[in-house]
Amino acid sequence: MRVDVNNVEPRHYDRGDVRVIKNFLPRTFFLHLRDLVMGGDFPWYYNKSTLTNMDDGYFMFVHALMWNSEVVSPLYNEFQQMLPYVKEALDYKKLTRLKLNCYPNQNKKILHPLHIDAYEHNTKDYVIGVLHFNTCNGETIVNDEKIKSEENQMLLFDNIPHQSAVQTDTRTRVILNFNFKI
């Protein structure tokens, strides 16, 4: 079930729901992060697949901030400041992955394969977060429900099969992907 929230308190995640939280971060802080990741000097790295554990024939650009619970980027500190806001929305034990994805417009709608994010662990112990940095017609699809990308919108859902669709109305779609151990 989808539950839409417009940043009202208290926020609470119920397992099995897809939680959609609009206006997730305070506006000034969000704009700082958005300008950082959408700026021309941000270090993006080519990834020959949109999936971690197999080649799906598609590509994207990524910047890993944390991988396997280890900080792997000097830019992590910029994003760490958002974790108290995340903690308000989800009572998690540990953040295990924090990765930015940048999907270039490929002039056609591309639906990426179904996948789970925390595949190397007991998948029932994880919740996935997706923070959108820009508004576009790209989507995250969970339980056959298409959720369009909206600026400063956070999605929370169980680590279940889901997929994304590449946008056609903007040059890029930028998201921040979280894996939470709960």
C-alpha atoms as a PDB file:
ATOM      1  CA  MET A   1       0.000   0.000   0.000  1.00  0.00           C
ATOM      2  CA  ARG A   2       1.232   3.494  -0.820  1.00  0.00           C
ATOM      3  CA  VAL A   3       1.188   6.059   1.957  1.00  0.00           C
ATOM      4  CA  ASP A   4       1.802   9.703   0.975  1.00  0.00           C
ATOM      5  CA  VAL A   5       3.039  12.109   3.621  1.00  0.00           C
ATOM      6  CA  ASN A   6       3.729  15.813   3.221  1.00  0.00           C
ATOM      7  CA  ASN A   7       6.489  16.001   5.827  1.00  0.00           C
ATOM      8  CA  VAL A   8       4.152  15.849   8.812  1.00  0.00           C
ATOM      9  CA  GLU A   9       5.258  14.681  12.255  1.00  0.00           C
ATOM     10  CA  PRO A  10       5.515  12.089  13.546  1.00  0.00           C
ATOM     11  CA  ARG A  11       6.645  10.039  10.579  1.00  0.00           C
ATOM     12  CA  HIS A  12       6.537   6.293  10.885  1.00  0.00           C
ATOM     13  CA  TYR A  13       7.301   3.506   8.423  1.00  0.00           C
ATOM     14  CA  ASP A  14       5.062   0.441   8.478  1.00  0.00           C
ATOM     15  CA  ARG A  15       6.620  -2.638   6.896  1.00  0.00           C
ATOM     16  CA  GLY A  16       4.890  -3.593   3.668  1.00  0.00           C
ATOM     17  CA  ASP A  17       3.952  -0.031   2.761  1.00  0.00           C
ATOM     18  CA  VAL A  18       5.619   2.175   0.204  1.00  0.00           C
ATOM     19  CA  ARG A  19       6.140   5.398   2.117  1.00  0.00           C
ATOM     20  CA  VAL A  20       6.310   8.526  -0.067  1.00  0.00           C
ATOM     21  CA  ILE A  21       7.526  11.547   1.900  1.00  0.00           C
ATOM     22  CA  LYS A  22       7.329  14.857   0.061  1.00  0.00           C
ATOM     23  CA  ASN A  23       9.497  17.825   1.089  1.00  0.00           C
ATOM     24  CA  PHE A  24      11.711  15.395   2.962  1.00  0.00           C
ATOM     25  CA  LEU A  25      14.648  17.651   3.805  1.00  0.00           C
ATOM     26  CA  PRO A  26      14.544  21.299   4.868  1.00  0.00           C
ATOM     27  CA  ARG A  27      14.541  23.365   1.670  1.00  0.00           C
ATOM     28  CA  THR A  28      17.891  25.154   2.164  1.00  0.00           C
ATOM     29  CA  PHE A  29      19.728  21.923   2.982  1.00  0.00           C
ATOM     30  CA  PHE A  30      18.092  20.087   0.081  1.00  0.00           C
ATOM     31  CA  LEU A  31      19.041  22.851  -2.380  1.00  0.00           C
ATOM     32  CA  HIS A  32      22.650  22.685  -1.168  1.00  0.00           C
ATOM     33  CA  LEU A  33      22.788  18.928  -1.874  1.00  0.00           C
ATOM     34  CA  ARG A  34      20.905  19.253  -5.164  1.00  0.00           C
ATOM     35  CA  ASP A  35      23.236  21.962  -6.418  1.00  0.00           C
ATOM     36  CA  LEU A  36      26.214  19.829  -5.416  1.00  0.00           C
ATOM     37  CA  VAL A  37      25.117  16.661  -7.247  1.00  0.00           C
ATOM     38  CA  MET A  38      23.622  18.403 -10.277  1.00  0.00           C
ATOM     39  CA  GLY A  39      26.543  20.774 -10.707  1.00  0.00           C
ATOM     40  CA  GLY A  40      29.087  20.419 -13.462  1.00  0.00           C
ATOM     41  CA  ASP A  41      31.970  19.590 -11.119  1.00  0.00           C
ATOM     42  CA  PHE A  42      30.438  16.612  -9.309  1.00  0.00           C
ATOM     43  CA  PRO A  43      32.530  13.423  -9.746  1.00  0.00           C
ATOM     44  CA  TRP A  44      30.310  10.887 -11.517  1.00  0.00           C
ATOM     45  CA  TYR A  45      31.664   7.489 -12.511  1.00  0.00           C
ATOM     46  CA  TYR A  46      30.504   5.439 -15.488  1.00  0.00           C
ATOM     47  CA  ASN A  47      28.837   2.138 -14.599  1.00  0.00           C
ATOM     48  CA  LYS A  48      28.353  -0.314 -17.476  1.00  0.00           C
ATOM     49  CA  SER A  49      25.208  -1.754 -15.861  1.00  0.00           C
ATOM     50  CA  THR A  50      22.349  -0.459 -13.735  1.00  0.00           C
ATOM     51  CA  LEU A  51      22.571  -3.595 -11.568  1.00  0.00           C
ATOM     52  CA  THR A  52      25.362  -4.445  -9.144  1.00  0.00           C
ATOM     53  CA  ASN A  53      25.416  -8.214  -9.546  1.00  0.00           C
ATOM     54  CA  MET A  54      24.809  -8.625 -13.303  1.00  0.00           C
ATOM     55  CA  ASP A  55      25.131  -6.861 -16.642  1.00  0.00           C
ATOM     56  CA  ASP A  56      21.685  -5.706 -17.758  1.00  0.00           C
ATOM     57  CA  GLY A  57      22.858  -4.033 -20.973  1.00  0.00           C
ATOM     58  CA  TYR A  58      22.120  -0.505 -19.722  1.00  0.00           C
ATOM     59  CA  PHE A  59      24.373   2.135 -18.175  1.00  0.00           C
ATOM     60  CA  MET A  60      24.348   4.953 -15.659  1.00  0.00           C
ATOM     61  CA  PHE A  61      26.739   7.134 -13.702  1.00  0.00           C
ATOM     62  CA  VAL A  62      27.241   6.577  -9.978  1.00  0.00           C
ATOM     63  CA  HIS A  63      29.007   7.976  -6.968  1.00  0.00           C
ATOM     64  CA  ALA A  64      29.222   5.621  -3.997  1.00  0.00           C
ATOM     65  CA  LEU A  65      29.380   7.409  -0.666  1.00  0.00           C
ATOM     66  CA  MET A  66      29.160   4.278   1.513  1.00  0.00           C
ATOM     67  CA  TRP A  67      29.465   0.628   0.514  1.00  0.00           C
ATOM     68  CA  ASN A  68      29.181  -2.395   2.838  1.00  0.00           C
ATOM     69  CA  SER A  69      28.908   0.010   5.785  1.00  0.00           C
ATOM     70  CA  GLU A  70      32.249   1.649   4.949  1.00  0.00           C
ATOM     71  CA  VAL A  71      32.625   5.257   3.872  1.00  0.00           C
ATOM     72  CA  VAL A  72      34.211   5.253   0.405  1.00  0.00           C
ATOM     73  CA  SER A  73      33.958   8.908  -0.627  1.00  0.00           C
ATOM     74  CA  PRO A  74      35.278  12.135   0.881  1.00  0.00           C
ATOM     75  CA  LEU A  75      31.878  13.660  -0.008  1.00  0.00           C
ATOM     76  CA  TYR A  76      30.111  11.392   2.509  1.00  0.00           C
ATOM     77  CA  ASN A  77      30.261  14.127   5.161  1.00  0.00           C
ATOM     78  CA  GLU A  78      28.081  16.405   3.012  1.00  0.00           C
ATOM     79  CA  PHE A  79      25.343  13.752   3.018  1.00  0.00           C
ATOM     80  CA  GLN A  80      25.810  12.475   6.561  1.00  0.00           C
ATOM     81  CA  GLN A  81      24.059  15.608   7.783  1.00  0.00           C
ATOM     82  CA  MET A  82      20.756  14.252   6.407  1.00  0.00           C
ATOM     83  CA  LEU A  83      20.810  11.120   8.575  1.00  0.00           C
ATOM     84  CA  PRO A  84      18.943  12.671  11.555  1.00  0.00           C
ATOM     85  CA  TYR A  85      16.038  13.422   9.156  1.00  0.00           C
ATOM     86  CA  VAL A  86      16.166   9.849   7.920  1.00  0.00           C
ATOM     87  CA  LYS A  87      16.159   8.568  11.499  1.00  0.00           C
ATOM     88  CA  GLU A  88      12.906  10.468  12.102  1.00  0.00           C
ATOM     89  CA  ALA A  89      11.294   8.593   9.204  1.00  0.00           C
ATOM     90  CA  LEU A  90      12.797   5.154   9.821  1.00  0.00           C
ATOM     91  CA  ASP A  91      14.187   3.597  12.974  1.00  0.00           C
ATOM     92  CA  TYR A  92      17.083   1.663  11.455  1.00  0.00           C
ATOM     93  CA  LYS A  93      20.038  -0.097  13.064  1.00  0.00           C
ATOM     94  CA  LYS A  94      22.648   0.567  10.420  1.00  0.00           C
ATOM     95  CA  LEU A  95      23.125   2.277   7.071  1.00  0.00           C
ATOM     96  CA  THR A  96      24.932  -0.184   4.800  1.00  0.00           C
ATOM     97  CA  ARG A  97      24.901   1.614   1.437  1.00  0.00           C
ATOM     98  CA  LEU A  98      24.556   5.195   0.276  1.00  0.00           C
ATOM     99  CA  LYS A  99      24.954   5.653  -3.475  1.00  0.00           C
ATOM    100  CA  LEU A 100      24.034   8.372  -5.944  1.00  0.00           C
ATOM    101  CA  ASN A 101      22.717   7.302  -9.342  1.00  0.00           C
ATOM    102  CA  CYS A 102      22.576   9.552 -12.392  1.00  0.00           C
ATOM    103  CA  TYR A 103      20.497   8.301 -15.312  1.00  0.00           C
ATOM    104  CA  PRO A 104      21.120  10.188 -18.578  1.00  0.00           C
ATOM    105  CA  ASN A 105      18.201  10.797 -20.924  1.00  0.00           C
ATOM    106  CA  GLN A 106      18.439   8.256 -23.740  1.00  0.00           C
ATOM    107  CA  ASN A 107      15.584   9.719 -25.806  1.00  0.00           C
ATOM    108  CA  LYS A 108      13.333   6.758 -25.086  1.00  0.00           C
ATOM    109  CA  LYS A 109      11.661   5.262 -22.040  1.00  0.00           C
ATOM    110  CA  ILE A 110      13.846   2.437 -20.709  1.00  0.00           C
ATOM    111  CA  LEU A 111      12.554   0.098 -18.034  1.00  0.00           C
ATOM    112  CA  HIS A 112      15.384  -1.436 -16.028  1.00  0.00           C
ATOM    113  CA  PRO A 113      15.067  -5.049 -14.805  1.00  0.00           C
ATOM    114  CA  LEU A 114      13.428  -6.010 -11.536  1.00  0.00           C
ATOM    115  CA  HIS A 115      15.987  -6.320  -8.754  1.00  0.00           C
ATOM    116  CA  ILE A 116      16.526  -6.088  -5.026  1.00  0.00           C
ATOM    117  CA  ASP A 117      19.162  -3.777  -3.580  1.00  0.00           C
ATOM    118  CA  ALA A 118      20.445  -5.684  -0.552  1.00  0.00           C
ATOM    119  CA  TYR A 119      20.984  -9.012  -2.302  1.00  0.00           C
ATOM    120  CA  GLU A 120      23.975 -10.258  -0.313  1.00  0.00           C
ATOM    121  CA  HIS A 121      22.157 -10.265   3.035  1.00  0.00           C
ATOM    122  CA  ASN A 122      19.003 -11.629   4.631  1.00  0.00           C
ATOM    123  CA  THR A 123      16.769  -9.496   2.471  1.00  0.00           C
ATOM    124  CA  LYS A 124      13.944  -9.284   5.022  1.00  0.00           C
ATOM    125  CA  ASP A 125      16.198  -7.311   7.364  1.00  0.00           C
ATOM    126  CA  TYR A 126      16.475  -4.349   4.973  1.00  0.00           C
ATOM    127  CA  VAL A 127      14.493  -1.295   3.935  1.00  0.00           C
ATOM    128  CA  ILE A 128      15.382   0.706   0.831  1.00  0.00           C
ATOM    129  CA  GLY A 129      15.318   4.481   0.583  1.00  0.00           C
ATOM    130  CA  VAL A 130      15.301   6.569  -2.602  1.00  0.00           C
ATOM    131  CA  LEU A 131      15.668  10.362  -2.439  1.00  0.00           C
ATOM    132  CA  HIS A 132      14.879  12.205  -5.682  1.00  0.00           C
ATOM    133  CA  PHE A 133      16.988  15.248  -6.544  1.00  0.00           C
ATOM    134  CA  ASN A 134      14.966  16.421  -9.532  1.00  0.00           C
ATOM    135  CA  THR A 135      11.450  16.271 -10.901  1.00  0.00           C
ATOM    136  CA  CYS A 136      11.062  14.320 -14.114  1.00  0.00           C
ATOM    137  CA  ASN A 137       9.010  11.537 -15.694  1.00  0.00           C
ATOM    138  CA  GLY A 138      11.495   8.881 -14.564  1.00  0.00           C
ATOM    139  CA  GLU A 139       9.988   6.422 -12.125  1.00  0.00           C
ATOM    140  CA  THR A 140      10.598   3.955  -9.361  1.00  0.00           C
ATOM    141  CA  ILE A 141       8.225   1.014  -9.658  1.00  0.00           C
ATOM    142  CA  VAL A 142       7.359  -0.967  -6.510  1.00  0.00           C
ATOM    143  CA  ASN A 143       4.569  -3.551  -6.370  1.00  0.00           C
ATOM    144  CA  ASP A 144       3.535  -2.510  -9.911  1.00  0.00           C
ATOM    145  CA  GLU A 145       2.991   1.058  -8.691  1.00  0.00           C
ATOM    146  CA  LYS A 146       4.789   3.767 -10.672  1.00  0.00           C
ATOM    147  CA  ILE A 147       6.100   6.571  -8.488  1.00  0.00           C
ATOM    148  CA  LYS A 148       7.323   9.557 -10.492  1.00  0.00           C
ATOM    149  CA  SER A 149      10.461  11.383  -9.463  1.00  0.00           C
ATOM    150  CA  GLU A 150       9.697  14.596  -7.606  1.00  0.00           C
ATOM    151  CA  GLU A 151      12.333  16.907  -6.206  1.00  0.00           C
ATOM    152  CA  ASN A 152      13.018  16.351  -2.480  1.00  0.00           C
ATOM    153  CA  GLN A 153      10.790  13.283  -2.305  1.00  0.00           C
ATOM    154  CA  MET A 154      11.873  10.249  -0.264  1.00  0.00           C
ATOM    155  CA  LEU A 155      10.589   6.721  -0.851  1.00  0.00           C
ATOM    156  CA  LEU A 156      10.871   3.987   1.778  1.00  0.00           C
ATOM    157  CA  PHE A 157       9.976   0.367   1.022  1.00  0.00           C
ATOM    158  CA  ASP A 158      10.951  -3.159   1.967  1.00  0.00           C
ATOM    159  CA  ASN A 159      13.848  -4.771   0.103  1.00  0.00           C
ATOM    160  CA  ILE A 160      11.558  -6.348  -2.470  1.00  0.00           C
ATOM    161  CA  PRO A 161      11.844  -6.585  -6.263  1.00  0.00           C
ATOM    162  CA  HIS A 162      11.502  -3.132  -7.815  1.00  0.00           C
ATOM    163  CA  GLN A 163      12.715  -1.325 -10.908  1.00  0.00           C
ATOM    164  CA  SER A 164      13.305   2.084 -12.386  1.00  0.00           C
ATOM    165  CA  ALA A 165      12.407   3.775 -15.642  1.00  0.00           C
ATOM    166  CA  VAL A 166      14.654   6.309 -17.351  1.00  0.00           C
ATOM    167  CA  GLN A 167      13.201   9.773 -17.934  1.00  0.00           C
ATOM    168  CA  THR A 168      12.649  11.405 -21.311  1.00  0.00           C
ATOM    169  CA  ASP A 169      11.791  14.969 -20.261  1.00  0.00           C
ATOM    170  CA  THR A 170      15.035  16.091 -18.560  1.00  0.00           C
ATOM    171  CA  ARG A 171      18.705  15.548 -19.311  1.00  0.00           C
ATOM    172  CA  THR A 172      19.251  13.515 -16.153  1.00  0.00           C
ATOM    173  CA  ARG A 173      17.449  11.810 -13.291  1.00  0.00           C
ATOM    174  CA  VAL A 174      19.458  11.897 -10.060  1.00  0.00           C
ATOM    175  CA  ILE A 175      18.612   9.853  -6.980  1.00  0.00           C
ATOM    176  CA  LEU A 176      20.277   8.895  -3.719  1.00  0.00           C
ATOM    177  CA  ASN A 177      19.845   5.221  -2.861  1.00  0.00           C
ATOM    178  CA  PHE A 178      19.951   4.010   0.776  1.00  0.00           C
ATOM    179  CA  ASN A 179      20.121   0.455   2.161  1.00  0.00           C
ATOM    180  CA  PHE A 180      19.061   0.276   5.812  1.00  0.00           C
ATOM    181  CA  LYS A 181      19.459  -2.713   8.106  1.00  0.00           C
ATOM    182  CA  ILE A 182      16.498  -2.662  10.468  1.00  0.00           C
END
